[in-house]
Amino acid sequence: MRTSARIAGVLTGLTIALGGAAFAVPVAHADIPSCMNMVQLTGVDASDAVRASCTRGVIGDWQGCVSGLSGAGVPGGAASGACRAAANPP
């Protein structure tokens, strides 16, 4: 394969990958409030730890989200539901 063709392929791949990430980021942040609202319904304050855990759920780290919310005092089932709300677009 010629070097110019290889470089063009790499640049095309980078453009597609970075473009997809740019579209995913704004959508992801929209679900943090849903997660935090579900947490607040359990009586737990919306702290920085809760926000960080909900952010983990948004980026796909479901286990980290549930673990963080449980550590913040959210009951297991509610933590799981809040993380599911963070991971799924409205």
C-alpha atoms as a PDB file:
ATOM      1  CA  MET A   1       0.000   0.000   0.000  1.00  0.00           C
ATOM      2  CA  ARG A   2       1.337   3.414  -0.872  1.00  0.00           C
ATOM      3  CA  THR A   3       2.181   5.846   1.898  1.00  0.00           C
ATOM      4  CA  SER A   4      -0.215   8.516   0.609  1.00  0.00           C
ATOM      5  CA  ALA A   5      -3.113   6.062   0.633  1.00  0.00           C
ATOM      6  CA  ARG A   6      -2.203   4.919   4.135  1.00  0.00           C
ATOM      7  CA  ILE A   7      -2.072   8.514   5.425  1.00  0.00           C
ATOM      8  CA  ALA A   8      -5.427   9.322   3.806  1.00  0.00           C
ATOM      9  CA  GLY A   9      -6.969   6.275   5.485  1.00  0.00           C
ATOM     10  CA  VAL A  10      -5.616   7.240   8.889  1.00  0.00           C
ATOM     11  CA  LEU A  11      -6.841  10.821   8.545  1.00  0.00           C
ATOM     12  CA  THR A  12     -10.284   9.640   7.468  1.00  0.00           C
ATOM     13  CA  GLY A  13     -10.471   7.293  10.459  1.00  0.00           C
ATOM     14  CA  LEU A  14      -9.455  10.056  12.860  1.00  0.00           C
ATOM     15  CA  THR A  15     -12.022  12.429  11.393  1.00  0.00           C
ATOM     16  CA  ILE A  16     -14.798   9.886  11.817  1.00  0.00           C
ATOM     17  CA  ALA A  17     -13.724   8.952  15.350  1.00  0.00           C
ATOM     18  CA  LEU A  18     -13.375  12.525  16.573  1.00  0.00           C
ATOM     19  CA  GLY A  19     -16.543  13.638  14.854  1.00  0.00           C
ATOM     20  CA  GLY A  20     -18.503  10.846  16.527  1.00  0.00           C
ATOM     21  CA  ALA A  21     -17.098  11.803  19.924  1.00  0.00           C
ATOM     22  CA  ALA A  22     -18.126  15.416  19.408  1.00  0.00           C
ATOM     23  CA  PHE A  23     -21.723  14.365  18.785  1.00  0.00           C
ATOM     24  CA  ALA A  24     -21.827  11.984  21.758  1.00  0.00           C
ATOM     25  CA  VAL A  25     -20.563  14.401  24.417  1.00  0.00           C
ATOM     26  CA  PRO A  26     -23.411  16.962  24.393  1.00  0.00           C
ATOM     27  CA  VAL A  27     -26.051  14.225  24.449  1.00  0.00           C
ATOM     28  CA  ALA A  28     -24.356  12.462  27.344  1.00  0.00           C
ATOM     29  CA  HIS A  29     -24.480  15.432  29.695  1.00  0.00           C
ATOM     30  CA  ALA A  30     -28.227  15.740  29.264  1.00  0.00           C
ATOM     31  CA  ASP A  31     -28.765  12.555  31.311  1.00  0.00           C
ATOM     32  CA  ILE A  32     -26.821  13.593  34.414  1.00  0.00           C
ATOM     33  CA  PRO A  33     -29.804  15.575  35.768  1.00  0.00           C
ATOM     34  CA  SER A  34     -32.066  12.523  35.366  1.00  0.00           C
ATOM     35  CA  CYS A  35     -29.639  10.431  37.381  1.00  0.00           C
ATOM     36  CA  MET A  36     -29.266  13.094  40.053  1.00  0.00           C
ATOM     37  CA  ASN A  37     -33.045  13.602  40.316  1.00  0.00           C
ATOM     38  CA  MET A  38     -33.532   9.891  40.918  1.00  0.00           C
ATOM     39  CA  VAL A  39     -30.865  10.014  43.634  1.00  0.00           C
ATOM     40  CA  GLN A  40     -32.561  12.979  45.309  1.00  0.00           C
ATOM     41  CA  LEU A  41     -35.852  11.061  45.388  1.00  0.00           C
ATOM     42  CA  THR A  42     -34.153   8.625  47.771  1.00  0.00           C
ATOM     43  CA  GLY A  43     -33.322  11.471  50.152  1.00  0.00           C
ATOM     44  CA  VAL A  44     -29.605  11.653  49.311  1.00  0.00           C
ATOM     45  CA  ASP A  45     -28.235  15.127  48.566  1.00  0.00           C
ATOM     46  CA  ALA A  46     -26.875  15.859  45.096  1.00  0.00           C
ATOM     47  CA  SER A  47     -23.210  16.143  46.097  1.00  0.00           C
ATOM     48  CA  ASP A  48     -20.088  16.242  43.955  1.00  0.00           C
ATOM     49  CA  ALA A  49     -19.672  12.505  44.559  1.00  0.00           C
ATOM     50  CA  VAL A  50     -23.176  11.862  43.220  1.00  0.00           C
ATOM     51  CA  ARG A  51     -22.504  14.022  40.150  1.00  0.00           C
ATOM     52  CA  ALA A  52     -19.220  12.187  39.505  1.00  0.00           C
ATOM     53  CA  SER A  53     -20.959   8.818  39.810  1.00  0.00           C
ATOM     54  CA  CYS A  54     -23.756   9.862  37.449  1.00  0.00           C
ATOM     55  CA  THR A  55     -21.100  11.031  34.992  1.00  0.00           C
ATOM     56  CA  ARG A  56     -19.580   7.551  35.115  1.00  0.00           C
ATOM     57  CA  GLY A  57     -22.963   6.134  34.173  1.00  0.00           C
ATOM     58  CA  VAL A  58     -23.233   8.504  31.232  1.00  0.00           C
ATOM     59  CA  ILE A  59     -19.892   7.414  29.794  1.00  0.00           C
ATOM     60  CA  GLY A  60     -20.785   3.735  30.149  1.00  0.00           C
ATOM     61  CA  ASP A  61     -19.075   2.805  33.428  1.00  0.00           C
ATOM     62  CA  TRP A  62     -22.231   1.321  34.933  1.00  0.00           C
ATOM     63  CA  GLN A  63     -20.435  -0.605  37.671  1.00  0.00           C
ATOM     64  CA  GLY A  64     -18.454   2.482  38.720  1.00  0.00           C
ATOM     65  CA  CYS A  65     -21.654   4.526  38.771  1.00  0.00           C
ATOM     66  CA  VAL A  66     -23.521   2.048  40.984  1.00  0.00           C
ATOM     67  CA  SER A  67     -20.529   1.656  43.290  1.00  0.00           C
ATOM     68  CA  GLY A  68     -20.111   5.420  43.656  1.00  0.00           C
ATOM     69  CA  LEU A  69     -23.795   6.036  44.327  1.00  0.00           C
ATOM     70  CA  SER A  70     -23.932   3.191  46.837  1.00  0.00           C
ATOM     71  CA  GLY A  71     -20.932   4.707  48.602  1.00  0.00           C
ATOM     72  CA  ALA A  72     -22.795   8.034  48.740  1.00  0.00           C
ATOM     73  CA  GLY A  73     -25.688   6.339  50.558  1.00  0.00           C
ATOM     74  CA  VAL A  74     -28.073   5.563  47.705  1.00  0.00           C
ATOM     75  CA  PRO A  75     -29.816   2.182  48.187  1.00  0.00           C
ATOM     76  CA  GLY A  76     -28.758  -0.543  45.707  1.00  0.00           C
ATOM     77  CA  GLY A  77     -31.906  -0.681  43.569  1.00  0.00           C
ATOM     78  CA  ALA A  78     -32.172   3.085  43.360  1.00  0.00           C
ATOM     79  CA  ALA A  79     -28.471   3.395  42.484  1.00  0.00           C
ATOM     80  CA  SER A  80     -28.916   0.870  39.706  1.00  0.00           C
ATOM     81  CA  GLY A  81     -31.957   2.690  38.342  1.00  0.00           C
ATOM     82  CA  ALA A  82     -30.252   6.072  38.472  1.00  0.00           C
ATOM     83  CA  CYS A  83     -27.241   4.730  36.601  1.00  0.00           C
ATOM     84  CA  ARG A  84     -29.522   3.158  34.022  1.00  0.00           C
ATOM     85  CA  ALA A  85     -31.218   6.549  33.577  1.00  0.00           C
ATOM     86  CA  ALA A  86     -27.805   8.161  33.100  1.00  0.00           C
ATOM     87  CA  ALA A  87     -26.772   5.623  30.474  1.00  0.00           C
ATOM     88  CA  ASN A  88     -29.959   5.791  28.405  1.00  0.00           C
ATOM     89  CA  PRO A  89     -30.870   8.927  26.478  1.00  0.00           C
ATOM     90  CA  PRO A  90     -34.246  10.431  27.333  1.00  0.00           C
END
